[in-house]
Amino acid sequence: GDISNMKNRLTLGDRIALIAGLGFFNGAIGITVSHELVHKASKFEKTLGYILLALVNYMHWGEEHLTGHHENVATPEDPATSK
């Protein structure tokens, strides 16, 4: 089919479902996968992790997680550790 005419074939419901599905996928699955990727030694894999975080406007989390949480885990300085 002609993909250039796709916009005219999607109903409002289709568009809402597409946006919600992409949001769920990136939010729930993308952040989980990015968490694993930012821990990798490979610069390529680490970059992929940051790209996934950028898709949900959460790129800053990777640096905070590695330099804040991992250095201060289980201390009062770690905002991610349960109090």
N, C-alpha and C. Protein backbone atom coordinates (compact mmCIF):
# COMPACT_ATOMS: atom_id res chain seq x y z
N GLY A 1 0.80 -1.18 0.00
CA GLY A 1 0.00 0.00 0.00
C GLY A 1 0.85 1.26 0.00
N ASP A 2 0.21 2.34 -0.19
CA ASP A 2 0.87 3.65 -0.21
C ASP A 2 0.97 4.19 1.21
N ILE A 3 2.16 4.13 1.76
CA ILE A 3 2.36 4.56 3.15
C ILE A 3 2.25 6.07 3.30
N SER A 4 2.45 6.83 2.24
CA SER A 4 2.37 8.28 2.32
C SER A 4 0.95 8.75 2.63
N ASN A 5 -0.03 7.91 2.40
CA ASN A 5 -1.42 8.26 2.66
C ASN A 5 -1.92 7.66 3.97
N MET A 6 -0.99 7.19 4.85
CA MET A 6 -1.35 6.52 6.08
C MET A 6 -2.14 7.42 7.02
N LYS A 7 -1.80 8.70 7.10
CA LYS A 7 -2.46 9.62 8.02
C LYS A 7 -3.97 9.66 7.77
N ASN A 8 -4.36 9.63 6.53
CA ASN A 8 -5.78 9.70 6.19
C ASN A 8 -6.52 8.40 6.48
N ARG A 9 -5.80 7.31 6.68
CA ARG A 9 -6.45 6.03 6.93
C ARG A 9 -6.58 5.72 8.42
N LEU A 10 -5.89 6.46 9.28
CA LEU A 10 -5.97 6.21 10.71
C LEU A 10 -7.11 7.02 11.32
N THR A 11 -7.99 6.33 12.02
CA THR A 11 -9.09 7.03 12.70
C THR A 11 -8.54 7.67 13.96
N LEU A 12 -9.33 8.51 14.59
CA LEU A 12 -8.92 9.13 15.85
C LEU A 12 -8.61 8.06 16.90
N GLY A 13 -9.44 7.04 16.95
CA GLY A 13 -9.21 5.94 17.89
C GLY A 13 -7.91 5.22 17.61
N ASP A 14 -7.60 5.02 16.32
CA ASP A 14 -6.33 4.39 15.93
C ASP A 14 -5.15 5.22 16.41
N ARG A 15 -5.25 6.52 16.23
CA ARG A 15 -4.16 7.42 16.62
C ARG A 15 -3.96 7.42 18.13
N ILE A 16 -5.06 7.46 18.86
CA ILE A 16 -4.97 7.43 20.33
C ILE A 16 -4.35 6.11 20.79
N ALA A 17 -4.77 5.00 20.21
CA ALA A 17 -4.23 3.69 20.57
C ALA A 17 -2.74 3.60 20.23
N LEU A 18 -2.36 4.14 19.09
CA LEU A 18 -0.96 4.12 18.69
C LEU A 18 -0.10 4.93 19.65
N ILE A 19 -0.55 6.12 20.00
CA ILE A 19 0.20 6.97 20.92
C ILE A 19 0.29 6.32 22.31
N ALA A 20 -0.83 5.78 22.79
CA ALA A 20 -0.84 5.12 24.10
C ALA A 20 0.06 3.89 24.10
N GLY A 21 0.02 3.11 23.03
CA GLY A 21 0.86 1.92 22.93
C GLY A 21 2.34 2.26 22.91
N LEU A 22 2.70 3.26 22.12
CA LEU A 22 4.10 3.68 22.07
C LEU A 22 4.55 4.25 23.42
N GLY A 23 3.68 5.01 24.06
CA GLY A 23 4.00 5.54 25.38
C GLY A 23 4.22 4.44 26.40
N PHE A 24 3.33 3.46 26.40
CA PHE A 24 3.48 2.33 27.32
C PHE A 24 4.75 1.55 27.04
N PHE A 25 4.98 1.24 25.77
CA PHE A 25 6.16 0.48 25.40
C PHE A 25 7.44 1.20 25.81
N ASN A 26 7.55 2.48 25.45
CA ASN A 26 8.75 3.23 25.80
C ASN A 26 8.88 3.43 27.30
N GLY A 27 7.78 3.68 27.99
CA GLY A 27 7.82 3.92 29.42
C GLY A 27 8.10 2.68 30.23
N ALA A 28 7.38 1.62 29.97
CA ALA A 28 7.51 0.41 30.78
C ALA A 28 8.67 -0.47 30.34
N ILE A 29 8.78 -0.69 29.07
CA ILE A 29 9.81 -1.61 28.57
C ILE A 29 11.10 -0.87 28.26
N GLY A 30 10.99 0.29 27.62
CA GLY A 30 12.18 1.05 27.24
C GLY A 30 13.04 1.46 28.42
N ILE A 31 12.40 1.92 29.51
CA ILE A 31 13.18 2.33 30.68
C ILE A 31 13.85 1.13 31.33
N THR A 32 13.16 -0.01 31.37
CA THR A 32 13.75 -1.22 31.96
C THR A 32 14.97 -1.67 31.15
N VAL A 33 14.84 -1.69 29.84
CA VAL A 33 15.95 -2.10 28.99
C VAL A 33 17.09 -1.07 29.08
N SER A 34 16.75 0.21 29.10
CA SER A 34 17.79 1.24 29.18
C SER A 34 18.56 1.12 30.49
N HIS A 35 17.88 0.73 31.57
CA HIS A 35 18.56 0.55 32.86
C HIS A 35 19.67 -0.49 32.72
N GLU A 36 19.40 -1.56 32.04
CA GLU A 36 20.43 -2.58 31.85
C GLU A 36 21.53 -2.09 30.91
N LEU A 37 21.16 -1.38 29.86
CA LEU A 37 22.14 -0.93 28.88
C LEU A 37 23.11 0.11 29.43
N VAL A 38 22.66 1.01 30.32
CA VAL A 38 23.58 2.03 30.84
C VAL A 38 24.63 1.42 31.76
N HIS A 39 24.42 0.18 32.21
CA HIS A 39 25.39 -0.51 33.04
C HIS A 39 26.48 -1.22 32.22
N LYS A 40 26.28 -1.33 30.93
CA LYS A 40 27.22 -2.08 30.08
C LYS A 40 28.53 -1.32 29.90
N ALA A 41 29.60 -2.05 29.71
CA ALA A 41 30.92 -1.45 29.47
C ALA A 41 31.04 -0.92 28.04
N SER A 42 30.34 -1.56 27.11
CA SER A 42 30.40 -1.17 25.71
C SER A 42 29.79 0.22 25.52
N LYS A 43 30.55 1.11 24.90
CA LYS A 43 30.05 2.47 24.65
C LYS A 43 28.81 2.43 23.76
N PHE A 44 28.78 1.51 22.80
CA PHE A 44 27.64 1.37 21.91
C PHE A 44 26.36 1.03 22.68
N GLU A 45 26.46 0.01 23.55
CA GLU A 45 25.28 -0.39 24.33
C GLU A 45 24.86 0.70 25.30
N LYS A 46 25.82 1.36 25.91
CA LYS A 46 25.52 2.45 26.83
C LYS A 46 24.81 3.59 26.08
N THR A 47 25.26 3.89 24.87
CA THR A 47 24.62 4.92 24.05
C THR A 47 23.19 4.53 23.71
N LEU A 48 22.96 3.27 23.37
CA LEU A 48 21.59 2.81 23.10
C LEU A 48 20.70 3.02 24.32
N GLY A 49 21.25 2.77 25.51
CA GLY A 49 20.49 3.00 26.74
C GLY A 49 20.09 4.45 26.89
N TYR A 50 21.02 5.37 26.60
CA TYR A 50 20.71 6.79 26.70
C TYR A 50 19.73 7.24 25.62
N ILE A 51 19.79 6.63 24.45
CA ILE A 51 18.82 6.95 23.40
C ILE A 51 17.41 6.55 23.84
N LEU A 52 17.29 5.36 24.43
CA LEU A 52 15.98 4.94 24.95
C LEU A 52 15.47 5.90 26.02
N LEU A 53 16.36 6.35 26.89
CA LEU A 53 15.95 7.32 27.92
C LEU A 53 15.55 8.65 27.30
N ALA A 54 16.22 9.05 26.24
CA ALA A 54 15.88 10.32 25.58
C ALA A 54 14.49 10.26 24.96
N LEU A 55 14.06 9.08 24.53
CA LEU A 55 12.73 8.93 23.93
C LEU A 55 11.61 9.25 24.91
N VAL A 56 11.89 9.13 26.20
CA VAL A 56 10.88 9.43 27.22
C VAL A 56 11.29 10.64 28.07
N ASN A 57 12.21 11.46 27.52
CA ASN A 57 12.67 12.68 28.20
C ASN A 57 13.19 12.40 29.61
N TYR A 58 13.97 11.34 29.74
CA TYR A 58 14.46 10.91 31.05
C TYR A 58 15.95 10.62 31.00
N MET A 59 16.65 11.26 30.07
CA MET A 59 18.05 10.96 29.83
C MET A 59 18.93 11.24 31.06
N HIS A 60 18.57 12.23 31.84
CA HIS A 60 19.34 12.58 33.03
C HIS A 60 19.39 11.43 34.04
N TRP A 61 18.42 10.55 34.02
CA TRP A 61 18.35 9.47 34.99
C TRP A 61 19.57 8.55 34.91
N GLY A 62 20.06 8.29 33.71
CA GLY A 62 21.19 7.38 33.55
C GLY A 62 22.41 7.84 34.31
N GLU A 63 22.75 9.12 34.19
CA GLU A 63 23.92 9.65 34.91
C GLU A 63 23.68 9.66 36.41
N GLU A 64 22.49 10.10 36.83
CA GLU A 64 22.19 10.13 38.26
C GLU A 64 22.24 8.73 38.84
N HIS A 65 21.72 7.78 38.10
CA HIS A 65 21.68 6.40 38.58
C HIS A 65 23.10 5.85 38.79
N LEU A 66 23.96 6.09 37.81
CA LEU A 66 25.31 5.54 37.89
C LEU A 66 26.20 6.30 38.88
N THR A 67 26.12 7.63 38.88
CA THR A 67 27.02 8.41 39.74
C THR A 67 26.41 8.77 41.09
N GLY A 68 25.11 8.79 41.19
CA GLY A 68 24.46 9.12 42.46
C GLY A 68 24.07 7.87 43.22
N HIS A 69 23.18 7.09 42.65
CA HIS A 69 22.66 5.91 43.33
C HIS A 69 23.74 4.87 43.60
N HIS A 70 24.52 4.51 42.61
CA HIS A 70 25.51 3.45 42.79
C HIS A 70 26.63 3.85 43.74
N GLU A 71 26.96 5.12 43.80
CA GLU A 71 28.01 5.56 44.72
C GLU A 71 27.48 5.73 46.14
N ASN A 72 26.18 5.98 46.29
CA ASN A 72 25.61 6.27 47.60
C ASN A 72 24.53 5.30 48.05
N VAL A 73 24.45 4.13 47.42
CA VAL A 73 23.37 3.20 47.72
C VAL A 73 23.33 2.87 49.22
N ALA A 74 22.12 2.84 49.74
CA ALA A 74 21.85 2.50 51.14
C ALA A 74 22.41 3.52 52.13
N THR A 75 22.59 4.75 51.68
CA THR A 75 23.03 5.83 52.56
C THR A 75 21.96 6.93 52.52
N PRO A 76 21.98 7.83 53.50
CA PRO A 76 21.02 8.94 53.46
C PRO A 76 21.17 9.85 52.24
N GLU A 77 22.34 9.84 51.58
CA GLU A 77 22.57 10.68 50.39
C GLU A 77 21.92 10.14 49.12
N ASP A 78 21.46 8.89 49.18
CA ASP A 78 20.85 8.27 48.00
C ASP A 78 19.34 8.47 48.01
N PRO A 79 18.81 9.31 47.09
CA PRO A 79 17.37 9.53 47.08
C PRO A 79 16.57 8.30 46.60
N ALA A 80 17.24 7.33 45.99
CA ALA A 80 16.54 6.15 45.49
C ALA A 80 16.45 5.04 46.53
N THR A 81 17.18 5.17 47.64
CA THR A 81 17.13 4.14 48.69
C THR A 81 15.96 4.43 49.63
N SER A 82 15.23 3.40 49.94
CA SER A 82 14.09 3.53 50.84
C SER A 82 14.55 4.01 52.21
N LYS A 83 13.78 4.88 52.80
CA LYS A 83 14.12 5.41 54.13
C LYS A 83 13.39 4.64 55.20
